[in-house]
């Protein structure tokens, strides 16, 4: 049965043993609002400051005039890096790690992951492309997310080719009837719509990812009985994909609302829910 934890993921991750998980997928905050700022800012840690960063830390903002996002990147990466280091520690020798971001932060985070895992352990950048929502009149409208795939050992990892779902040929007349009927395996560009705002799959969670997207990762990069982890679990899509494909799964989020959504979504699997971890020292 799935395990759901409410609390600070970094503290909870520290309670797990080395190499405990065979597949780790995370979909952390994309840092969307702050990177759209149009002024150059410098932030100084100040308990009476005007800004609140990750984990409730207060900062004072100094405006320097020009467009710059460096302070935002620094704050975001300082938050994310120790969690990525924990992911490496927790990943099994044949395991796979997937990080789901978009254009705002993915390039900076990839540099960090190259340092943690090793550049030779980077396998793919998967582009999830979708066609939904408004169109910009000032630039090419961004309609894709980036998913980075890393392994512990580039010579020995789980990749179940026969479990890959097939997609239609764009020009079936060029490949013959048998190939056209079978379809082809996807490339590193995955075309799939977002979760429909009015569909049955929708949980109401604002950043919910499609179940089919996560099922592809689960089926190809893990085996039945494997132990999976998502420590920015949100609506629990990895959890449902894992349970429906007979994997064990641990889900962590610091939002009670997210945990409530996951509990309802996975009620059919009778999840075990753990309350927030209390640090006795603090």
Protein backbone atom coordinates (compact mmCIF):
# COMPACT_ATOMS: atom_id res chain seq x y z
CA UNK A 1 0.00 0.00 0.00
CA UNK A 2 1.20 3.56 -0.66
CA UNK A 3 2.83 5.60 2.10
CA UNK A 4 2.06 9.33 2.31
CA UNK A 5 4.14 11.67 4.47
CA UNK A 6 3.20 15.21 5.48
CA UNK A 7 6.19 17.38 6.34
CA UNK A 8 9.54 18.81 5.25
CA UNK A 9 10.83 16.44 2.59
CA UNK A 10 14.49 17.01 3.46
CA UNK A 11 13.96 15.93 7.05
CA UNK A 12 11.83 12.94 6.05
CA UNK A 13 14.28 11.81 3.36
CA UNK A 14 16.99 11.58 5.99
CA UNK A 15 15.03 8.80 7.71
CA UNK A 16 15.35 6.42 4.74
CA UNK A 17 18.23 4.02 4.13
CA UNK A 18 20.79 4.34 1.34
CA UNK A 19 19.75 2.89 -2.04
CA UNK A 20 16.19 2.23 -0.81
CA UNK A 21 14.33 3.31 -3.96
CA UNK A 22 14.42 1.91 -7.50
CA UNK A 23 12.79 4.90 -9.20
CA UNK A 24 12.61 8.49 -8.01
CA UNK A 25 10.53 11.10 -9.83
CA UNK A 26 10.11 14.66 -8.60
CA UNK A 27 8.15 17.61 -9.93
CA UNK A 28 9.37 20.48 -7.71
CA UNK A 29 8.15 24.08 -7.84
CA UNK A 30 9.03 25.67 -11.19
CA UNK A 31 9.93 29.06 -9.68
CA UNK A 32 7.58 30.66 -12.17
CA UNK A 33 6.54 33.94 -10.56
CA UNK A 34 9.87 35.19 -9.32
CA UNK A 35 11.78 34.58 -12.52
CA UNK A 36 9.37 36.85 -14.33
CA UNK A 37 10.42 39.82 -12.22
CA UNK A 38 11.67 42.78 -14.26
CA UNK A 39 14.06 44.45 -11.84
CA UNK A 40 17.53 43.53 -10.74
CA UNK A 41 17.33 42.59 -7.08
CA UNK A 42 19.79 41.84 -4.33
CA UNK A 43 18.52 40.07 -1.23
CA UNK A 44 20.06 40.14 2.20
CA UNK A 45 18.96 37.81 4.97
CA UNK A 46 16.99 39.92 7.47
CA UNK A 47 14.46 38.68 10.05
CA UNK A 48 12.35 41.80 9.46
CA UNK A 49 12.74 41.76 5.69
CA UNK A 50 10.06 42.26 3.05
CA UNK A 51 10.41 38.87 1.31
CA UNK A 52 9.92 35.29 2.41
CA UNK A 53 12.00 32.56 0.80
CA UNK A 54 11.89 28.80 1.07
CA UNK A 55 11.37 27.36 4.56
CA UNK A 56 10.09 30.72 5.77
CA UNK A 57 13.47 32.50 5.76
CA UNK A 58 13.08 36.29 5.61
CA UNK A 59 15.07 38.54 3.25
CA UNK A 60 15.40 42.28 2.69
CA UNK A 61 15.21 43.37 -0.94
CA UNK A 62 17.55 45.94 -2.45
CA UNK A 63 16.59 47.14 -5.94
CA UNK A 64 19.54 47.60 -8.30
CA UNK A 65 17.64 48.71 -11.40
CA UNK A 66 18.40 46.18 -14.16
CA UNK A 67 16.65 42.98 -15.13
CA UNK A 68 18.30 40.07 -13.31
CA UNK A 69 17.18 36.81 -11.77
CA UNK A 70 20.39 35.77 -10.01
CA UNK A 71 19.07 36.18 -6.48
CA UNK A 72 16.07 34.07 -7.34
CA UNK A 73 18.25 31.35 -8.82
CA UNK A 74 20.53 31.37 -5.81
CA UNK A 75 17.63 30.95 -3.41
CA UNK A 76 15.97 28.26 -5.51
CA UNK A 77 19.12 26.23 -6.07
CA UNK A 78 20.13 26.41 -2.42
CA UNK A 79 16.75 24.99 -1.56
CA UNK A 80 16.83 22.24 -4.19
CA UNK A 81 20.46 21.06 -4.09
CA UNK A 82 20.44 19.17 -0.76
CA UNK A 83 17.28 17.41 -1.85
CA UNK A 84 18.93 16.31 -5.10
CA UNK A 85 21.87 15.00 -3.08
CA UNK A 86 19.44 12.96 -0.99
CA UNK A 87 17.86 11.59 -4.17
CA UNK A 88 21.26 10.31 -5.28
CA UNK A 89 21.88 8.69 -1.89
CA UNK A 90 18.48 7.01 -1.87
CA UNK A 91 18.60 5.70 -5.44
CA UNK A 92 19.39 2.00 -5.90
CA UNK A 93 22.37 0.94 -8.07
CA UNK A 94 20.12 0.13 -11.05
CA UNK A 95 17.71 2.95 -10.34
CA UNK A 96 16.48 5.90 -12.37
CA UNK A 97 15.99 9.50 -11.27
CA UNK A 98 13.63 11.85 -13.12
CA UNK A 99 13.42 15.60 -12.53
CA UNK A 100 10.48 17.45 -14.06
CA UNK A 101 10.94 21.22 -14.61
CA UNK A 102 10.49 23.77 -17.37
CA UNK A 103 12.66 26.28 -19.22
CA UNK A 104 12.99 28.65 -16.25
CA UNK A 105 15.30 26.53 -14.08
CA UNK A 106 16.11 23.30 -15.91
CA UNK A 107 19.46 24.47 -17.33
CA UNK A 108 20.77 25.58 -13.95
CA UNK A 109 19.57 22.43 -12.21
CA UNK A 110 21.11 20.18 -14.86
CA UNK A 111 24.56 21.58 -14.04
CA UNK A 112 24.02 20.62 -10.40
CA UNK A 113 22.77 17.14 -11.31
CA UNK A 114 25.82 16.62 -13.54
CA UNK A 115 27.98 17.31 -10.49
CA UNK A 116 25.97 15.04 -8.19
CA UNK A 117 25.42 12.07 -10.52
CA UNK A 118 28.25 12.61 -13.01
CA UNK A 119 27.76 13.77 -16.59
CA UNK A 120 28.16 10.21 -17.83
CA UNK A 121 25.03 9.27 -15.85
CA UNK A 122 22.80 11.70 -17.74
CA UNK A 123 20.71 9.61 -20.13
CA UNK A 124 18.06 11.85 -21.72
CA UNK A 125 16.32 15.17 -21.68
CA UNK A 126 12.71 14.30 -22.39
CA UNK A 127 10.49 17.05 -23.75
CA UNK A 128 6.84 16.81 -22.80
CA UNK A 129 5.05 18.85 -25.45
CA UNK A 130 1.40 19.86 -25.20
CA UNK A 131 -0.89 22.21 -27.09
CA UNK A 132 -3.26 23.91 -24.69
CA UNK A 133 -3.89 27.40 -23.39
CA UNK A 134 -3.31 30.90 -24.67
CA UNK A 135 -0.84 32.20 -27.22
CA UNK A 136 1.68 34.99 -26.74
CA UNK A 137 1.90 37.85 -29.22
CA UNK A 138 5.44 38.77 -28.12
CA UNK A 139 7.35 35.47 -28.36
CA UNK A 140 7.01 31.80 -29.27
CA UNK A 141 4.49 30.45 -26.77
CA UNK A 142 6.14 27.95 -24.36
CA UNK A 143 4.24 24.68 -24.62
CA UNK A 144 6.60 22.09 -23.19
CA UNK A 145 8.21 20.89 -19.97
CA UNK A 146 11.65 19.30 -19.55
CA UNK A 147 12.23 15.96 -17.80
CA UNK A 148 15.85 15.02 -17.02
CA UNK A 149 16.70 11.33 -16.63
CA UNK A 150 19.78 10.23 -14.66
CA UNK A 151 20.99 6.81 -13.51
CA UNK A 152 23.51 5.57 -10.94
CA UNK A 153 25.29 3.28 -13.43
CA UNK A 154 25.10 4.07 -17.18
CA UNK A 155 26.05 0.46 -17.96
CA UNK A 156 23.46 -1.21 -15.73
CA UNK A 157 20.02 0.32 -15.30
CA UNK A 158 16.35 -0.58 -15.72
CA UNK A 159 14.92 0.13 -19.16
CA UNK A 160 12.15 -2.28 -20.17
CA UNK A 161 11.88 -1.71 -23.89
CA UNK A 162 8.97 -4.10 -24.34
CA UNK A 163 6.89 -2.05 -21.90
CA UNK A 164 7.05 1.08 -24.05
CA UNK A 165 3.61 2.06 -25.33
CA UNK A 166 3.35 2.57 -29.07
CA UNK A 167 2.25 5.72 -30.87
CA UNK A 168 0.85 6.10 -34.40
CA UNK A 169 3.08 6.80 -37.39
CA UNK A 170 2.57 10.29 -38.79
CA UNK A 171 2.77 8.89 -42.33
CA UNK A 172 1.48 5.30 -42.00
CA UNK A 173 1.31 4.87 -45.77
CA UNK A 174 5.11 5.00 -45.97
CA UNK A 175 5.79 2.08 -43.60
CA UNK A 176 3.34 -0.59 -44.72
CA UNK A 177 0.21 -1.97 -43.04
CA UNK A 178 1.90 -4.22 -40.44
CA UNK A 179 4.13 -1.47 -39.04
CA UNK A 180 1.31 1.03 -39.22
CA UNK A 181 -0.94 -1.27 -37.18
CA UNK A 182 1.77 -1.85 -34.56
CA UNK A 183 2.79 1.78 -34.25
CA UNK A 184 6.23 3.05 -33.27
CA UNK A 185 8.03 3.72 -30.01
CA UNK A 186 8.16 7.35 -28.87
CA UNK A 187 11.31 9.45 -29.10
CA UNK A 188 12.55 11.86 -26.45
CA UNK A 189 9.69 14.20 -27.37
CA UNK A 190 6.43 13.08 -25.78
CA UNK A 191 3.25 14.61 -27.15
CA UNK A 192 0.43 14.46 -24.62
CA UNK A 193 -2.24 16.92 -23.60
CA UNK A 194 -2.40 18.36 -20.09
CA UNK A 195 -4.96 17.09 -17.60
CA UNK A 196 -8.33 18.31 -18.81
CA UNK A 197 -9.82 20.91 -16.46
CA UNK A 198 -13.18 19.15 -16.80
CA UNK A 199 -12.01 15.54 -17.15
CA UNK A 200 -12.47 12.67 -14.71
CA UNK A 201 -8.72 12.59 -13.98
CA UNK A 202 -8.69 16.14 -12.59
CA UNK A 203 -8.19 16.35 -8.83
CA UNK A 204 -8.32 20.12 -8.53
CA UNK A 205 -4.60 20.35 -7.73
CA UNK A 206 -3.14 23.21 -9.82
CA UNK A 207 0.04 21.52 -11.13
CA UNK A 208 -1.33 18.00 -11.64
CA UNK A 209 0.48 15.96 -14.32
CA UNK A 210 -1.23 13.42 -16.63
CA UNK A 211 -1.41 9.86 -15.35
CA UNK A 212 -0.41 8.42 -18.72
CA UNK A 213 2.81 10.46 -18.67
CA UNK A 214 3.85 8.99 -15.32
CA UNK A 215 2.71 5.49 -16.23
CA UNK A 216 5.14 5.48 -19.15
CA UNK A 217 8.01 6.27 -16.76
CA UNK A 218 6.86 3.73 -14.17
CA UNK A 219 6.39 0.86 -16.63
CA UNK A 220 9.65 1.33 -18.51
CA UNK A 221 11.99 2.30 -15.67
CA UNK A 222 10.84 0.01 -12.85
CA UNK A 223 9.59 -3.52 -12.27
CA UNK A 224 6.67 -4.96 -10.35
CA UNK A 225 7.39 -4.83 -6.64
CA UNK A 226 9.98 -2.05 -6.94
CA UNK A 227 9.91 0.80 -4.42
CA UNK A 228 9.25 4.27 -5.88
CA UNK A 229 9.55 7.77 -4.42
CA UNK A 230 8.17 11.23 -5.14
CA UNK A 231 9.10 13.84 -2.53
CA UNK A 232 7.28 16.76 -4.20
CA UNK A 233 4.21 14.60 -4.59
CA UNK A 234 1.52 17.24 -5.12
CA UNK A 235 -1.62 15.53 -6.41
CA UNK A 236 -0.03 12.06 -6.22
CA UNK A 237 0.09 11.15 -9.91
CA UNK A 238 3.23 9.03 -9.46
CA UNK A 239 1.47 7.30 -6.59
CA UNK A 240 -1.50 6.29 -8.72
CA UNK A 241 0.76 5.20 -11.59
CA UNK A 242 2.80 3.09 -9.17
CA UNK A 243 -0.16 1.44 -7.44
CA UNK A 244 -1.98 0.62 -10.67
CA UNK A 245 1.19 -1.02 -11.99
CA UNK A 246 1.89 -3.02 -8.80
CA UNK A 247 4.78 -1.01 -7.43
CA UNK A 248 5.33 0.20 -3.87
CA UNK A 249 5.46 3.96 -3.47
CA UNK A 250 6.35 6.66 -0.95
CA UNK A 251 4.89 10.15 -1.42
CA UNK A 252 5.99 13.26 0.50
CA UNK A 253 4.59 16.78 0.51
CA UNK A 254 4.65 19.64 3.00
CA UNK A 255 1.14 20.79 2.11
CA UNK A 256 -1.79 19.37 4.06
CA UNK A 257 -4.03 20.20 1.10
CA UNK A 258 -1.85 18.07 -1.18
CA UNK A 259 -1.87 15.19 1.29
CA UNK A 260 -5.66 15.40 1.50
CA UNK A 261 -5.88 15.25 -2.31
CA UNK A 262 -3.57 12.22 -2.40
CA UNK A 263 -5.49 10.47 0.36
CA UNK A 264 -8.73 10.83 -1.58
CA UNK A 265 -7.16 9.89 -4.89
CA UNK A 266 -5.49 6.75 -3.52
CA UNK A 267 -8.27 5.71 -1.15
CA UNK A 268 -8.84 2.60 -3.26
CA UNK A 269 -5.32 1.43 -2.30
CA UNK A 270 -5.73 2.16 1.46
CA UNK A 271 -2.72 4.46 1.90
CA UNK A 272 -0.86 4.80 5.19
CA UNK A 273 -0.57 8.48 6.13
CA UNK A 274 2.15 9.79 8.41
CA UNK A 275 1.82 13.22 10.08
CA UNK A 276 4.39 15.96 9.93
CA UNK A 277 7.76 15.17 11.42
CA UNK A 278 8.44 17.21 14.57
CA UNK A 279 12.02 18.25 15.21
CA UNK A 280 12.48 17.98 18.99
CA UNK A 281 15.58 20.16 18.85
CA UNK A 282 13.72 23.08 17.37
